[in-house]
Amino acid sequence: MSLAECANKSEVIAKYQRHDRDSGSPEVQIALLTSRLEKLAGHFQDHPQDKHSRQGLLKIVSHRKGLLEYLKRKDVERYRQTLANLGLRK
């Protein structure tokens, strides 16, 4: 199941959590932000002139970037695993 196929937030959390009560680890937060970005990308195909949503998109991208930098600093292996699971970088 890809991130785009997850219907709601709880499915994304269940897929990327580290233990059964985990809902705030960097991996989960990054997965949730990536899910929101994928949905916004579809929105922009229908509404290319939506400047206000584009500002929100940039905010989400910046937040995800900060979380990825934090994860890379703290645990490089978890960072690489997260990138591979989400298919973010090549």
C-alpha atoms as a PDB file:
ATOM      1  CA  MET A   1       0.000   0.000   0.000  1.00  0.00           C
ATOM      2  CA  SER A   2       1.506   3.301  -1.064  1.00  0.00           C
ATOM      3  CA  LEU A   3       1.081   6.525   0.838  1.00  0.00           C
ATOM      4  CA  ALA A   4      -1.364   7.830  -1.748  1.00  0.00           C
ATOM      5  CA  GLU A   5      -3.603   4.787  -1.242  1.00  0.00           C
ATOM      6  CA  CYS A   6      -3.931   5.369   2.513  1.00  0.00           C
ATOM      7  CA  ALA A   7      -7.435   6.693   3.040  1.00  0.00           C
ATOM      8  CA  ASN A   8      -6.903   8.526   6.287  1.00  0.00           C
ATOM      9  CA  LYS A   9      -4.480   9.680   8.925  1.00  0.00           C
ATOM     10  CA  SER A  10      -4.812   6.600  11.131  1.00  0.00           C
ATOM     11  CA  GLU A  11      -3.761   4.300   8.279  1.00  0.00           C
ATOM     12  CA  VAL A  12      -0.631   6.349   7.643  1.00  0.00           C
ATOM     13  CA  ILE A  13       0.204   6.328  11.356  1.00  0.00           C
ATOM     14  CA  ALA A  14      -0.352   2.561  11.564  1.00  0.00           C
ATOM     15  CA  LYS A  15       1.934   1.939   8.610  1.00  0.00           C
ATOM     16  CA  TYR A  16       4.882   4.081   9.763  1.00  0.00           C
ATOM     17  CA  GLN A  17       4.753   3.921  13.561  1.00  0.00           C
ATOM     18  CA  ARG A  18       7.715   2.421  15.423  1.00  0.00           C
ATOM     19  CA  HIS A  19       5.635   0.801  18.173  1.00  0.00           C
ATOM     20  CA  ASP A  20       1.925   0.360  18.883  1.00  0.00           C
ATOM     21  CA  ARG A  21       1.391   3.699  20.678  1.00  0.00           C
ATOM     22  CA  ASP A  22       3.654   5.803  18.449  1.00  0.00           C
ATOM     23  CA  SER A  23       1.989   8.752  16.758  1.00  0.00           C
ATOM     24  CA  GLY A  24       4.626  11.460  16.974  1.00  0.00           C
ATOM     25  CA  SER A  25       7.954  10.019  15.913  1.00  0.00           C
ATOM     26  CA  PRO A  26       9.730  11.842  13.092  1.00  0.00           C
ATOM     27  CA  GLU A  27       8.983   8.980  10.699  1.00  0.00           C
ATOM     28  CA  VAL A  28       5.238   9.249  11.312  1.00  0.00           C
ATOM     29  CA  GLN A  29       5.267  13.041  11.061  1.00  0.00           C
ATOM     30  CA  ILE A  30       7.207  12.925   7.783  1.00  0.00           C
ATOM     31  CA  ALA A  31       4.809  10.311   6.375  1.00  0.00           C
ATOM     32  CA  LEU A  32       1.777  12.424   7.338  1.00  0.00           C
ATOM     33  CA  LEU A  33       3.262  15.535   5.742  1.00  0.00           C
ATOM     34  CA  THR A  34       4.144  13.571   2.602  1.00  0.00           C
ATOM     35  CA  SER A  35       0.561  12.306   2.413  1.00  0.00           C
ATOM     36  CA  ARG A  36      -0.754  15.876   2.650  1.00  0.00           C
ATOM     37  CA  LEU A  37       1.689  17.004  -0.045  1.00  0.00           C
ATOM     38  CA  GLU A  38       0.527  14.270  -2.413  1.00  0.00           C
ATOM     39  CA  LYS A  39      -3.095  15.331  -1.931  1.00  0.00           C
ATOM     40  CA  LEU A  40      -2.190  18.980  -2.532  1.00  0.00           C
ATOM     41  CA  ALA A  41      -0.352  18.044  -5.723  1.00  0.00           C
ATOM     42  CA  GLY A  42      -3.606  16.624  -7.077  1.00  0.00           C
ATOM     43  CA  HIS A  43      -5.429  19.776  -6.010  1.00  0.00           C
ATOM     44  CA  PHE A  44      -3.004  21.942  -7.976  1.00  0.00           C
ATOM     45  CA  GLN A  45      -3.642  19.983 -11.150  1.00  0.00           C
ATOM     46  CA  ASP A  46      -7.280  21.080 -10.968  1.00  0.00           C
ATOM     47  CA  HIS A  47      -6.598  24.564  -9.567  1.00  0.00           C
ATOM     48  CA  PRO A  48      -3.257  25.878 -10.835  1.00  0.00           C
ATOM     49  CA  GLN A  49      -4.009  29.479  -9.831  1.00  0.00           C
ATOM     50  CA  ASP A  50      -4.653  28.719  -6.150  1.00  0.00           C
ATOM     51  CA  LYS A  51      -1.928  30.906  -4.637  1.00  0.00           C
ATOM     52  CA  HIS A  52      -3.097  30.598  -1.029  1.00  0.00           C
ATOM     53  CA  SER A  53      -2.877  26.820  -1.032  1.00  0.00           C
ATOM     54  CA  ARG A  54       0.533  27.059  -2.667  1.00  0.00           C
ATOM     55  CA  GLN A  55       1.746  29.060   0.327  1.00  0.00           C
ATOM     56  CA  GLY A  56       0.521  26.274   2.604  1.00  0.00           C
ATOM     57  CA  LEU A  57       2.269  23.719   0.415  1.00  0.00           C
ATOM     58  CA  LEU A  58       5.570  25.564   0.798  1.00  0.00           C
ATOM     59  CA  LYS A  59       5.092  25.626   4.559  1.00  0.00           C
ATOM     60  CA  ILE A  60       4.507  21.864   4.631  1.00  0.00           C
ATOM     61  CA  VAL A  61       7.577  21.231   2.455  1.00  0.00           C
ATOM     62  CA  SER A  62       9.691  23.359   4.780  1.00  0.00           C
ATOM     63  CA  HIS A  63       8.407  21.554   7.879  1.00  0.00           C
ATOM     64  CA  ARG A  64       9.088  18.141   6.316  1.00  0.00           C
ATOM     65  CA  LYS A  65      12.578  19.263   5.322  1.00  0.00           C
ATOM     66  CA  GLY A  66      13.300  20.292   8.904  1.00  0.00           C
ATOM     67  CA  LEU A  67      12.088  16.951  10.243  1.00  0.00           C
ATOM     68  CA  LEU A  68      14.254  15.105   7.713  1.00  0.00           C
ATOM     69  CA  GLU A  69      17.302  17.148   8.734  1.00  0.00           C
ATOM     70  CA  TYR A  70      16.591  16.388  12.400  1.00  0.00           C
ATOM     71  CA  LEU A  71      16.269  12.670  11.700  1.00  0.00           C
ATOM     72  CA  LYS A  72      19.477  12.678   9.645  1.00  0.00           C
ATOM     73  CA  ARG A  73      21.325  14.375  12.513  1.00  0.00           C
ATOM     74  CA  LYS A  74      19.986  11.998  15.180  1.00  0.00           C
ATOM     75  CA  ASP A  75      19.979   8.624  13.405  1.00  0.00           C
ATOM     76  CA  VAL A  76      21.264   8.272   9.845  1.00  0.00           C
ATOM     77  CA  GLU A  77      20.001   4.703   9.479  1.00  0.00           C
ATOM     78  CA  ARG A  78      16.406   5.640  10.384  1.00  0.00           C
ATOM     79  CA  TYR A  79      16.721   8.601   7.987  1.00  0.00           C
ATOM     80  CA  ARG A  80      17.766   6.340   5.116  1.00  0.00           C
ATOM     81  CA  GLN A  81      15.027   3.837   5.977  1.00  0.00           C
ATOM     82  CA  THR A  82      12.397   6.606   5.994  1.00  0.00           C
ATOM     83  CA  LEU A  83      13.546   7.908   2.615  1.00  0.00           C
ATOM     84  CA  ALA A  84      13.417   4.407   1.157  1.00  0.00           C
ATOM     85  CA  ASN A  85       9.965   3.650   2.610  1.00  0.00           C
ATOM     86  CA  LEU A  86       8.479   6.908   1.326  1.00  0.00           C
ATOM     87  CA  GLY A  87      10.397   6.915  -1.951  1.00  0.00           C
ATOM     88  CA  LEU A  88      11.500  10.505  -1.469  1.00  0.00           C
ATOM     89  CA  ARG A  89      15.051  10.710  -2.810  1.00  0.00           C
ATOM     90  CA  LYS A  90      16.826   8.662  -5.396  1.00  0.00           C
END
